[in-house]
Amino acid sequence: RFNLSYAWNEHMSLSADYGWYYQSPRPFELDINSNLKSKRAESYGIGIKHEVGDAMVVSLELYNKNLSRLITIDSLWNLSNNGDGYSRGVESYVQLKNAQGFFGWLSYTYSVSKRREGTNSDLHVFDFDRPHLISVVANYKFLEHWQAGLRFRYGSGRPYTPVASSWYDPNEERWFPIPGIHNSDRYSAYNRLDVRVTRHFQFASFDLDVYLEVLNAYNQKNIVHYMWDETYSSKEQLTIIPFLPVIGVSARF
């Protein structure tokens, strides 16, 4: 990997990077085809960072990754390195330094990731493609030993393959799903707010933080999976992390 940066002036800098990355096949894939090669990614990007006085830092980065030698499966379940794909996008970041007790950051990423791999030889949306990602972290230090903060995250729903219909096998005495177009649907967007209040204690040989945190403060039902009934005619939502108060202690020696 190569990195190059240039200081335009004392407040602004430009950067560029280029690299090749490799990932070895998994053991079970090599058991099927010992001639498989490592998956390969060619990555390059450019970025700009600007310091706005002493209180704020703003950055913007564009990137692109070309993927090759991805592992695919043919009709006979043989494995090969015939897959390819790409991932590209833009990342923006704003950091607010300690200004009158406030500090934190905001980031936004827009990206597109598509691949030809696995059992689907068509160019399709990658399993973990999430076009929009937003993160906000804000903290406020009040009084001498107290701090309050929040963290908010938003992300486009991950893609999944829907069930188009189902059929019944009398020999097996069970229903089987008929999948729709690969990764043609998405789960609902993910969003969550965590809130924390911290009391700091300072002792002679160590520091101690005692905090009360509320995870998923407004009890958002973030869907991570659907559970289908035995006939694949209806589904239930599987969600994670409900409204959850947490009391914690952190010590630094």
Protein backbone atom coordinates (compact mmCIF):
# COMPACT_ATOMS: atom_id res chain seq x y z
CA ARG A 1 0.00 0.00 0.00
CA PHE A 2 1.26 3.51 -0.89
CA ASN A 3 0.20 6.73 0.83
CA LEU A 4 1.00 10.28 -0.22
CA SER A 5 0.01 13.51 1.53
CA TYR A 6 0.64 17.17 0.77
CA ALA A 7 0.14 20.11 3.13
CA TRP A 8 -1.54 22.80 1.03
CA ASN A 9 -1.13 25.25 3.90
CA GLU A 10 -1.12 25.10 7.69
CA HIS A 11 -4.86 24.35 7.74
CA MET A 12 -5.43 22.18 4.66
CA SER A 13 -3.88 18.94 3.41
CA LEU A 14 -4.45 16.59 0.47
CA SER A 15 -3.89 12.83 0.48
CA ALA A 16 -3.94 9.90 -1.91
CA ASP A 17 -3.49 6.16 -1.47
CA TYR A 18 -3.15 3.10 -3.68
CA GLY A 19 -2.80 -0.55 -2.75
CA TRP A 20 -3.32 -4.23 -3.51
CA TYR A 21 -4.90 -6.53 -0.94
CA TYR A 22 -5.25 -10.31 -0.88
CA GLN A 23 -7.43 -12.71 1.10
CA SER A 24 -6.78 -16.44 1.16
CA PRO A 25 -9.60 -18.93 0.43
CA ARG A 26 -11.20 -20.52 3.47
CA PRO A 27 -10.12 -24.07 4.41
CA PHE A 28 -13.36 -25.73 3.28
CA GLU A 29 -13.08 -23.98 -0.10
CA LEU A 30 -9.56 -25.35 -0.57
CA ASP A 31 -10.88 -28.81 0.32
CA ILE A 32 -13.17 -28.56 -2.72
CA ASN A 33 -10.61 -26.99 -5.05
CA SER A 34 -6.99 -26.86 -3.89
CA ASN A 35 -6.04 -24.70 -6.91
CA LEU A 36 -8.04 -21.69 -5.78
CA LYS A 37 -6.12 -18.40 -5.70
CA SER A 38 -6.38 -15.62 -3.15
CA LYS A 39 -9.12 -13.06 -3.70
CA ARG A 40 -7.71 -9.71 -4.79
CA ALA A 41 -8.69 -6.07 -4.35
CA GLU A 42 -7.18 -3.01 -6.01
CA SER A 43 -7.91 0.07 -3.90
CA TYR A 44 -7.32 3.76 -4.48
CA GLY A 45 -8.67 6.97 -3.02
CA ILE A 46 -8.17 10.69 -2.62
CA GLY A 47 -9.02 12.95 0.30
CA ILE A 48 -8.89 16.48 1.65
CA LYS A 49 -8.78 17.66 5.26
CA HIS A 50 -9.30 21.20 6.51
CA GLU A 51 -8.85 22.54 10.03
CA VAL A 52 -11.29 25.36 10.76
CA GLY A 53 -9.45 27.28 13.43
CA ASP A 54 -8.77 25.29 16.59
CA ALA A 55 -12.33 24.09 17.08
CA MET A 56 -13.24 22.01 14.02
CA VAL A 57 -11.78 19.55 11.51
CA VAL A 58 -13.55 18.72 8.22
CA SER A 59 -12.50 15.93 5.86
CA LEU A 60 -13.80 14.38 2.63
CA GLU A 61 -12.56 11.16 0.99
CA LEU A 62 -13.47 9.34 -2.22
CA TYR A 63 -12.50 5.71 -2.68
CA ASN A 64 -12.84 2.84 -5.13
CA LYS A 65 -12.06 -0.87 -4.80
CA ASN A 66 -11.98 -3.21 -7.78
CA LEU A 67 -12.43 -6.83 -6.71
CA SER A 68 -11.21 -9.81 -8.74
CA ARG A 69 -10.69 -13.55 -8.38
CA LEU A 70 -13.75 -13.84 -6.14
CA ILE A 71 -14.86 -17.41 -5.53
CA THR A 72 -17.91 -18.59 -7.48
CA ILE A 73 -19.87 -21.85 -7.66
CA ASP A 74 -20.91 -23.50 -10.92
CA SER A 75 -23.88 -25.79 -11.54
CA LEU A 76 -21.86 -28.83 -10.41
CA TRP A 77 -20.85 -27.09 -7.16
CA ASN A 78 -17.27 -26.73 -8.26
CA LEU A 79 -15.42 -23.62 -7.05
CA SER A 80 -13.40 -21.22 -9.21
CA ASN A 81 -11.99 -17.68 -9.13
CA ASN A 82 -14.35 -16.34 -11.81
CA GLY A 83 -16.04 -13.74 -9.61
CA ASP A 84 -15.50 -9.97 -9.58
CA GLY A 85 -17.06 -6.81 -8.24
CA TYR A 86 -16.48 -3.34 -6.88
CA SER A 87 -17.05 -1.08 -3.91
CA ARG A 88 -16.95 2.71 -4.20
CA GLY A 89 -18.17 5.70 -2.30
CA VAL A 90 -17.52 8.94 -0.47
CA GLU A 91 -16.92 9.54 3.25
CA SER A 92 -17.33 12.91 4.98
CA TYR A 93 -16.32 13.69 8.55
CA VAL A 94 -16.71 16.71 10.82
CA GLN A 95 -15.03 16.78 14.23
CA LEU A 96 -15.88 19.40 16.83
CA LYS A 97 -13.07 19.78 19.34
CA ASN A 98 -13.56 20.95 22.89
CA ALA A 99 -15.49 24.20 22.45
CA GLN A 100 -17.12 25.59 25.60
CA GLY A 101 -17.56 22.06 26.92
CA PHE A 102 -18.95 20.56 23.69
CA PHE A 103 -17.03 17.99 21.63
CA GLY A 104 -17.93 15.17 19.24
CA TRP A 105 -18.12 14.28 15.59
CA LEU A 106 -20.46 13.65 12.66
CA SER A 107 -19.78 11.29 9.76
CA TYR A 108 -21.70 10.36 6.63
CA THR A 109 -20.84 7.68 4.09
CA TYR A 110 -22.47 6.94 0.75
CA SER A 111 -21.32 3.75 -0.95
CA VAL A 112 -22.29 1.12 -3.51
CA SER A 113 -20.99 -2.45 -3.38
CA LYS A 114 -21.78 -5.11 -5.99
CA ARG A 115 -20.32 -8.53 -6.73
CA ARG A 116 -20.44 -11.61 -8.90
CA GLU A 117 -19.69 -14.47 -6.52
CA GLY A 118 -21.14 -17.54 -4.86
CA THR A 119 -24.06 -19.18 -6.62
CA ASN A 120 -25.14 -15.95 -8.36
CA SER A 121 -23.11 -15.25 -11.50
CA ASP A 122 -24.96 -11.97 -12.17
CA LEU A 123 -23.70 -8.66 -10.82
CA HIS A 124 -25.73 -8.23 -7.64
CA VAL A 125 -25.82 -6.11 -4.51
CA PHE A 126 -23.35 -7.39 -1.92
CA ASP A 127 -24.79 -8.95 1.26
CA PHE A 128 -23.43 -6.12 3.43
CA ASP A 129 -24.13 -3.23 1.05
CA ARG A 130 -25.50 -0.24 3.00
CA PRO A 131 -25.65 2.88 0.81
CA HIS A 132 -26.20 5.40 3.61
CA LEU A 133 -24.43 5.41 6.98
CA ILE A 134 -24.66 8.29 9.46
CA SER A 135 -23.00 8.50 12.88
CA VAL A 136 -23.30 11.32 15.40
CA VAL A 137 -21.42 11.51 18.70
CA ALA A 138 -21.94 14.52 20.96
CA ASN A 139 -20.61 15.12 24.46
CA TYR A 140 -20.95 17.98 26.91
CA LYS A 141 -18.85 18.43 30.01
CA PHE A 142 -20.74 20.35 32.69
CA LEU A 143 -19.58 21.21 36.17
CA GLU A 144 -16.16 19.80 37.00
CA HIS A 145 -16.71 16.05 37.11
CA TRP A 146 -19.89 15.46 35.13
CA GLN A 147 -20.31 14.65 31.44
CA ALA A 148 -23.36 13.85 29.30
CA GLY A 149 -23.25 12.36 25.85
CA LEU A 150 -25.26 10.75 23.11
CA ARG A 151 -24.52 8.52 20.14
CA PHE A 152 -26.85 8.16 17.17
CA ARG A 153 -26.45 5.76 14.26
CA TYR A 154 -28.44 5.37 11.07
CA GLY A 155 -27.83 2.91 8.27
CA SER A 156 -29.65 1.66 5.21
CA GLY A 157 -31.11 -1.79 5.68
CA ARG A 158 -28.99 -4.75 4.56
CA PRO A 159 -30.18 -6.56 1.42
CA TYR A 160 -31.71 -10.02 1.57
CA THR A 161 -33.28 -12.52 -0.79
CA PRO A 162 -37.07 -12.61 -0.34
CA VAL A 163 -39.23 -15.72 -0.49
CA ALA A 164 -41.29 -15.55 -3.70
CA SER A 165 -43.48 -18.57 -2.94
CA SER A 166 -43.27 -22.13 -1.60
CA TRP A 167 -44.07 -25.71 -2.54
CA TYR A 168 -45.03 -28.80 -0.59
CA ASP A 169 -43.12 -32.10 -0.89
CA PRO A 170 -45.43 -34.98 0.11
CA ASN A 171 -42.46 -37.36 0.42
CA GLU A 172 -40.70 -35.12 2.91
CA GLU A 173 -44.01 -33.91 4.33
CA ARG A 174 -42.74 -30.36 4.55
CA TRP A 175 -42.78 -27.03 2.72
CA PHE A 176 -39.80 -25.63 0.83
CA PRO A 177 -39.24 -21.96 -0.10
CA ILE A 178 -38.85 -20.67 -3.65
CA PRO A 179 -36.43 -17.75 -3.41
CA GLY A 180 -36.96 -14.51 -5.30
CA ILE A 181 -34.27 -12.46 -7.03
CA HIS A 182 -31.01 -12.55 -5.10
CA ASN A 183 -30.69 -9.61 -2.65
CA SER A 184 -33.59 -7.81 -4.32
CA ASP A 185 -35.13 -6.58 -1.06
CA ARG A 186 -33.84 -4.82 2.06
CA TYR A 187 -34.53 -4.86 5.76
CA SER A 188 -35.81 -1.63 7.27
CA ALA A 189 -33.23 1.06 7.95
CA TYR A 190 -31.29 0.71 11.20
CA ASN A 191 -31.35 3.61 13.65
CA ARG A 192 -30.51 3.81 17.34
CA LEU A 193 -29.85 6.43 20.01
CA ASP A 194 -27.72 5.77 23.10
CA VAL A 195 -27.52 8.30 25.96
CA ARG A 196 -24.98 8.36 28.79
CA VAL A 197 -24.29 10.42 31.92
CA THR A 198 -20.87 10.00 33.58
CA ARG A 199 -19.52 11.05 36.96
CA HIS A 200 -15.73 11.22 37.19
CA PHE A 201 -13.79 10.54 40.40
CA GLN A 202 -10.07 11.17 40.73
CA PHE A 203 -8.02 9.41 43.38
CA ALA A 204 -4.32 9.42 44.16
CA SER A 205 -3.43 6.29 42.17
CA PHE A 206 -6.32 5.84 39.74
CA ASP A 207 -9.30 7.49 38.04
CA LEU A 208 -12.83 6.12 38.24
CA ASP A 209 -15.85 6.77 36.01
CA VAL A 210 -19.35 5.74 37.07
CA TYR A 211 -21.97 6.01 34.36
CA LEU A 212 -25.62 5.42 33.60
CA GLU A 213 -26.30 4.59 29.96
CA VAL A 214 -29.55 3.96 28.13
CA LEU A 215 -29.13 1.84 24.98
CA ASN A 216 -31.73 2.31 22.24
CA ALA A 217 -33.34 5.17 24.15
CA TYR A 218 -36.54 5.29 22.06
CA ASN A 219 -36.82 1.48 21.79
CA GLN A 220 -36.44 1.26 18.01
CA LYS A 221 -37.30 -2.20 16.60
CA ASN A 222 -34.29 -2.81 14.35
CA ILE A 223 -34.89 -5.87 12.18
CA VAL A 224 -31.95 -8.20 11.53
CA HIS A 225 -33.80 -11.25 10.19
CA TYR A 226 -37.21 -12.68 9.30
CA MET A 227 -38.46 -15.96 10.74
CA TRP A 228 -40.89 -17.72 8.37
CA ASP A 229 -43.61 -20.13 9.38
CA GLU A 230 -43.55 -23.73 8.16
CA THR A 231 -45.51 -22.90 4.97
CA TYR A 232 -43.45 -19.76 4.17
CA SER A 233 -46.67 -17.78 3.91
CA SER A 234 -46.04 -15.38 6.83
CA LYS A 235 -43.03 -14.12 8.74
CA GLU A 236 -42.06 -12.63 12.08
CA GLN A 237 -39.47 -9.95 12.72
CA LEU A 238 -36.31 -10.78 14.66
CA THR A 239 -34.99 -7.60 16.30
CA ILE A 240 -31.98 -6.79 18.50
CA ILE A 241 -31.11 -4.53 21.46
CA PRO A 242 -34.33 -3.25 23.00
CA PHE A 243 -34.54 -0.28 25.39
CA LEU A 244 -31.83 -1.21 27.91
CA PRO A 245 -30.55 0.83 30.90
CA VAL A 246 -26.97 -0.01 31.94
CA ILE A 247 -24.95 1.02 34.98
CA GLY A 248 -21.20 0.71 34.58
CA VAL A 249 -17.86 1.45 36.22
CA SER A 250 -14.58 2.16 34.42
CA ALA A 251 -11.23 2.45 36.20
CA ARG A 252 -7.89 3.69 34.86
CA PHE A 253 -4.69 2.95 36.82
